[in-house]
N, C-alpha and C. Protein backbone atom coordinates (compact mmCIF):
# COMPACT_ATOMS: atom_id res chain seq x y z
N MET A 1 8.65 -7.26 3.86
CA MET A 1 8.43 -8.64 4.26
C MET A 1 7.61 -9.44 3.25
N PRO A 2 6.54 -8.85 2.68
CA PRO A 2 5.78 -9.61 1.68
C PRO A 2 6.62 -9.97 0.45
N ARG A 3 7.54 -9.09 0.08
CA ARG A 3 8.41 -9.39 -1.07
C ARG A 3 9.28 -10.61 -0.78
N VAL A 4 9.79 -10.68 0.44
CA VAL A 4 10.64 -11.81 0.82
C VAL A 4 9.83 -13.10 0.79
N LEU A 5 8.63 -13.06 1.33
CA LEU A 5 7.77 -14.25 1.32
C LEU A 5 7.43 -14.68 -0.10
N ALA A 6 7.14 -13.71 -0.97
CA ALA A 6 6.84 -14.04 -2.36
C ALA A 6 8.06 -14.65 -3.05
N ALA A 7 9.22 -14.08 -2.79
CA ALA A 7 10.44 -14.62 -3.40
C ALA A 7 10.74 -16.02 -2.90
N VAL A 8 10.55 -16.26 -1.62
CA VAL A 8 10.79 -17.59 -1.05
C VAL A 8 9.78 -18.59 -1.62
N ALA A 9 8.53 -18.17 -1.78
CA ALA A 9 7.50 -19.05 -2.34
C ALA A 9 7.82 -19.42 -3.79
N VAL A 10 8.24 -18.45 -4.59
CA VAL A 10 8.60 -18.73 -5.98
C VAL A 10 9.83 -19.64 -6.04
N LEU A 11 10.80 -19.39 -5.20
CA LEU A 11 11.99 -20.24 -5.16
C LEU A 11 11.65 -21.67 -4.74
N ALA A 12 10.81 -21.83 -3.73
CA ALA A 12 10.41 -23.17 -3.29
C ALA A 12 9.62 -23.89 -4.39
N PHE A 13 8.73 -23.18 -5.06
CA PHE A 13 7.95 -23.77 -6.15
C PHE A 13 8.86 -24.21 -7.29
N THR A 14 9.83 -23.36 -7.63
CA THR A 14 10.76 -23.69 -8.71
C THR A 14 11.61 -24.90 -8.34
N ILE A 15 12.11 -24.94 -7.12
CA ILE A 15 12.91 -26.08 -6.68
C ILE A 15 12.09 -27.36 -6.71
N TYR A 16 10.84 -27.29 -6.24
CA TYR A 16 9.97 -28.47 -6.27
C TYR A 16 9.78 -28.97 -7.71
N CYS A 17 9.50 -28.06 -8.63
CA CYS A 17 9.27 -28.46 -10.02
C CYS A 17 10.53 -29.03 -10.67
N VAL A 18 11.69 -28.43 -10.38
CA VAL A 18 12.95 -28.93 -10.95
C VAL A 18 13.24 -30.33 -10.41
N VAL A 19 13.10 -30.52 -9.11
CA VAL A 19 13.36 -31.84 -8.52
C VAL A 19 12.38 -32.88 -9.07
N ASP A 20 11.11 -32.50 -9.19
CA ASP A 20 10.10 -33.41 -9.73
C ASP A 20 10.42 -33.79 -11.17
N ALA A 21 10.84 -32.81 -11.97
CA ALA A 21 11.18 -33.08 -13.37
C ALA A 21 12.42 -33.96 -13.48
N VAL A 22 13.43 -33.71 -12.65
CA VAL A 22 14.66 -34.50 -12.70
C VAL A 22 14.39 -35.95 -12.31
N GLN A 23 13.53 -36.16 -11.33
CA GLN A 23 13.27 -37.51 -10.84
C GLN A 23 12.33 -38.30 -11.76
N THR A 24 11.65 -37.65 -12.67
CA THR A 24 10.74 -38.34 -13.58
C THR A 24 11.55 -39.03 -14.68
N ASP A 25 11.18 -40.28 -14.99
CA ASP A 25 11.86 -41.01 -16.07
C ASP A 25 11.64 -40.30 -17.40
N ASP A 26 12.67 -40.38 -18.26
CA ASP A 26 12.61 -39.70 -19.56
C ASP A 26 11.43 -40.17 -20.41
N ASP A 27 11.12 -41.46 -20.36
CA ASP A 27 10.05 -41.98 -21.21
C ASP A 27 8.65 -41.69 -20.66
N GLU A 28 8.55 -41.17 -19.45
CA GLU A 28 7.23 -40.85 -18.88
C GLU A 28 6.85 -39.38 -19.03
N VAL A 29 7.80 -38.54 -19.42
CA VAL A 29 7.54 -37.11 -19.56
C VAL A 29 6.63 -36.88 -20.77
N ARG A 30 5.63 -36.04 -20.57
CA ARG A 30 4.69 -35.75 -21.65
C ARG A 30 5.07 -34.44 -22.34
N GLY A 31 4.65 -34.30 -23.58
CA GLY A 31 4.84 -33.05 -24.31
C GLY A 31 6.21 -32.94 -24.94
N ILE A 32 7.09 -32.18 -24.33
CA ILE A 32 8.43 -31.93 -24.87
C ILE A 32 9.45 -32.74 -24.07
N PRO A 33 10.68 -32.87 -24.58
CA PRO A 33 11.70 -33.63 -23.85
C PRO A 33 11.99 -33.02 -22.47
N LYS A 34 12.48 -33.86 -21.58
CA LYS A 34 12.72 -33.46 -20.19
C LYS A 34 13.68 -32.28 -20.08
N LEU A 35 14.72 -32.26 -20.88
CA LEU A 35 15.69 -31.17 -20.82
C LEU A 35 15.03 -29.83 -21.15
N LEU A 36 14.13 -29.82 -22.12
CA LEU A 36 13.43 -28.58 -22.45
C LEU A 36 12.48 -28.17 -21.33
N TRP A 37 11.86 -29.14 -20.64
CA TRP A 37 11.03 -28.81 -19.49
C TRP A 37 11.87 -28.13 -18.42
N LEU A 38 13.06 -28.67 -18.16
CA LEU A 38 13.92 -28.08 -17.14
C LEU A 38 14.34 -26.66 -17.50
N VAL A 39 14.67 -26.44 -18.76
CA VAL A 39 15.04 -25.09 -19.20
C VAL A 39 13.85 -24.15 -19.04
N MET A 40 12.67 -24.61 -19.42
CA MET A 40 11.48 -23.77 -19.31
C MET A 40 11.16 -23.45 -17.84
N ILE A 41 11.31 -24.43 -16.96
CA ILE A 41 11.05 -24.20 -15.54
C ILE A 41 12.03 -23.19 -14.97
N LEU A 42 13.29 -23.28 -15.37
CA LEU A 42 14.30 -22.37 -14.83
C LEU A 42 14.23 -20.97 -15.43
N LEU A 43 13.86 -20.86 -16.71
CA LEU A 43 13.76 -19.54 -17.34
C LEU A 43 12.49 -18.80 -16.95
N PHE A 44 11.40 -19.52 -16.83
CA PHE A 44 10.10 -18.92 -16.49
C PHE A 44 9.54 -19.66 -15.27
N PRO A 45 10.01 -19.32 -14.08
CA PRO A 45 9.69 -20.13 -12.89
C PRO A 45 8.20 -20.38 -12.66
N LEU A 46 7.37 -19.37 -12.67
CA LEU A 46 5.96 -19.59 -12.38
C LEU A 46 5.23 -20.26 -13.54
N VAL A 47 5.40 -19.73 -14.73
CA VAL A 47 4.70 -20.27 -15.90
C VAL A 47 5.25 -21.65 -16.26
N GLY A 48 6.57 -21.80 -16.25
CA GLY A 48 7.18 -23.08 -16.58
C GLY A 48 6.84 -24.16 -15.57
N GLY A 49 6.86 -23.79 -14.30
CA GLY A 49 6.51 -24.76 -13.26
C GLY A 49 5.06 -25.18 -13.34
N ALA A 50 4.17 -24.21 -13.56
CA ALA A 50 2.75 -24.54 -13.69
C ALA A 50 2.51 -25.40 -14.93
N ALA A 51 3.19 -25.09 -16.02
CA ALA A 51 3.04 -25.90 -17.24
C ALA A 51 3.55 -27.32 -16.99
N TRP A 52 4.65 -27.46 -16.27
CA TRP A 52 5.16 -28.80 -15.95
C TRP A 52 4.14 -29.60 -15.15
N LEU A 53 3.56 -28.97 -14.13
CA LEU A 53 2.60 -29.68 -13.29
C LEU A 53 1.34 -30.09 -14.04
N VAL A 54 0.92 -29.28 -15.00
CA VAL A 54 -0.32 -29.56 -15.72
C VAL A 54 -0.07 -30.43 -16.96
N ALA A 55 1.00 -30.14 -17.71
CA ALA A 55 1.16 -30.79 -19.01
C ALA A 55 2.37 -31.70 -19.14
N GLY A 56 3.34 -31.62 -18.24
CA GLY A 56 4.56 -32.38 -18.42
C GLY A 56 4.68 -33.64 -17.59
N ARG A 57 4.10 -33.62 -16.40
CA ARG A 57 4.22 -34.77 -15.50
C ARG A 57 3.50 -35.98 -16.07
N PRO A 58 3.95 -37.19 -15.70
CA PRO A 58 3.23 -38.40 -16.15
C PRO A 58 1.77 -38.38 -15.71
N THR A 59 1.51 -37.94 -14.49
CA THR A 59 0.15 -37.76 -14.00
C THR A 59 -0.02 -36.29 -13.68
N SER A 60 -0.88 -35.63 -14.41
CA SER A 60 -1.08 -34.20 -14.22
C SER A 60 -1.57 -33.92 -12.81
N ILE A 61 -1.20 -32.77 -12.30
CA ILE A 61 -1.66 -32.37 -10.97
C ILE A 61 -3.18 -32.24 -10.98
N LEU A 62 -3.76 -31.88 -12.12
CA LEU A 62 -5.22 -31.79 -12.22
C LEU A 62 -5.85 -33.17 -12.11
N GLU A 63 -5.23 -34.17 -12.72
CA GLU A 63 -5.74 -35.54 -12.61
C GLU A 63 -5.62 -36.04 -11.18
N THR A 64 -4.58 -35.63 -10.50
CA THR A 64 -4.41 -36.04 -9.11
C THR A 64 -5.50 -35.43 -8.23
N LEU A 65 -5.80 -34.16 -8.46
CA LEU A 65 -6.79 -33.47 -7.64
C LEU A 65 -8.22 -33.83 -8.01
N LEU A 66 -8.51 -33.89 -9.32
CA LEU A 66 -9.88 -34.09 -9.78
C LEU A 66 -10.20 -35.53 -10.15
N GLY A 67 -9.20 -36.38 -10.22
CA GLY A 67 -9.42 -37.76 -10.64
C GLY A 67 -9.23 -37.87 -12.15
N PRO A 68 -9.04 -39.09 -12.65
CA PRO A 68 -8.82 -39.27 -14.08
C PRO A 68 -10.08 -38.94 -14.87
N ARG A 69 -9.83 -38.47 -16.10
CA ARG A 69 -10.95 -38.20 -17.01
C ARG A 69 -11.54 -39.51 -17.47
N HIS A 70 -12.76 -39.46 -17.97
CA HIS A 70 -13.42 -40.67 -18.46
C HIS A 70 -12.61 -41.27 -19.60
N GLY A 71 -12.37 -42.56 -19.53
CA GLY A 71 -11.63 -43.25 -20.58
C GLY A 71 -10.14 -43.27 -20.36
N ASP A 72 -9.63 -42.51 -19.40
CA ASP A 72 -8.19 -42.50 -19.12
C ASP A 72 -7.86 -43.53 -18.05
N GLY A 73 -6.73 -44.15 -18.18
CA GLY A 73 -6.26 -45.07 -17.15
C GLY A 73 -6.94 -46.42 -17.22
N PRO A 74 -6.53 -47.28 -16.31
CA PRO A 74 -7.11 -48.63 -16.30
C PRO A 74 -8.56 -48.59 -15.82
N PRO A 75 -9.34 -49.56 -16.22
CA PRO A 75 -10.73 -49.59 -15.76
C PRO A 75 -10.77 -49.81 -14.25
N ARG A 76 -11.72 -49.16 -13.62
CA ARG A 76 -11.84 -49.28 -12.17
C ARG A 76 -12.52 -50.59 -11.82
N GLY A 77 -12.03 -51.21 -10.77
CA GLY A 77 -12.60 -52.47 -10.31
C GLY A 77 -13.76 -52.22 -9.35
N PRO A 78 -14.27 -53.27 -8.77
CA PRO A 78 -15.36 -53.12 -7.81
C PRO A 78 -14.93 -52.26 -6.62
N LEU A 79 -15.87 -51.53 -6.06
CA LEU A 79 -15.56 -50.65 -4.95
C LEU A 79 -15.62 -51.37 -3.61
N GLY A 80 -16.47 -52.34 -3.48
CA GLY A 80 -16.60 -53.05 -2.22
C GLY A 80 -16.82 -54.52 -2.47
N PRO A 81 -16.76 -55.36 -1.43
CA PRO A 81 -16.92 -56.80 -1.62
C PRO A 81 -18.30 -57.15 -2.18
N ASP A 82 -19.32 -56.38 -1.82
CA ASP A 82 -20.65 -56.71 -2.33
C ASP A 82 -20.83 -56.33 -3.79
N ASP A 83 -19.88 -55.57 -4.36
CA ASP A 83 -19.91 -55.23 -5.78
C ASP A 83 -19.04 -56.16 -6.62
N ASP A 84 -18.31 -57.04 -5.98
CA ASP A 84 -17.38 -57.94 -6.67
C ASP A 84 -18.08 -59.26 -6.99
N PRO A 85 -18.31 -59.55 -8.28
CA PRO A 85 -19.02 -60.78 -8.64
C PRO A 85 -18.28 -62.04 -8.19
N ASP A 86 -16.96 -62.04 -8.21
CA ASP A 86 -16.20 -63.22 -7.77
C ASP A 86 -16.40 -63.47 -6.27
N PHE A 87 -16.43 -62.41 -5.50
CA PHE A 87 -16.66 -62.56 -4.07
C PHE A 87 -18.07 -63.11 -3.80
N LEU A 88 -19.04 -62.60 -4.53
CA LEU A 88 -20.41 -63.04 -4.32
C LEU A 88 -20.61 -64.49 -4.73
N LYS A 89 -19.86 -64.97 -5.74
CA LYS A 89 -19.97 -66.36 -6.15
C LYS A 89 -19.44 -67.29 -5.06
N ARG A 90 -18.45 -66.85 -4.29
CA ARG A 90 -17.86 -67.68 -3.25
C ARG A 90 -18.70 -67.75 -1.98
N LEU A 91 -19.73 -66.95 -1.87
CA LEU A 91 -20.58 -66.97 -0.65
C LEU A 91 -21.44 -68.18 -0.57
């Protein structure tokens, strides 16, 4: 039974990564071309899928979980109305 669960988990992970890679626009893929990512995911399901999630997606799964690194992405705006200078000027 554990072998079946492991096989199903690897299959589900591989399918998720393939679908995610296929749905990503070609110009947003990082690292190598999208076709090579798909080949890598299919040939090496665990390693290829993990590499896709960390290094190939437009937004890395690590950035999603941990937040963007300093200097990456657009500058963050005010967090609340009392931190917004434009809002305070209108009071």
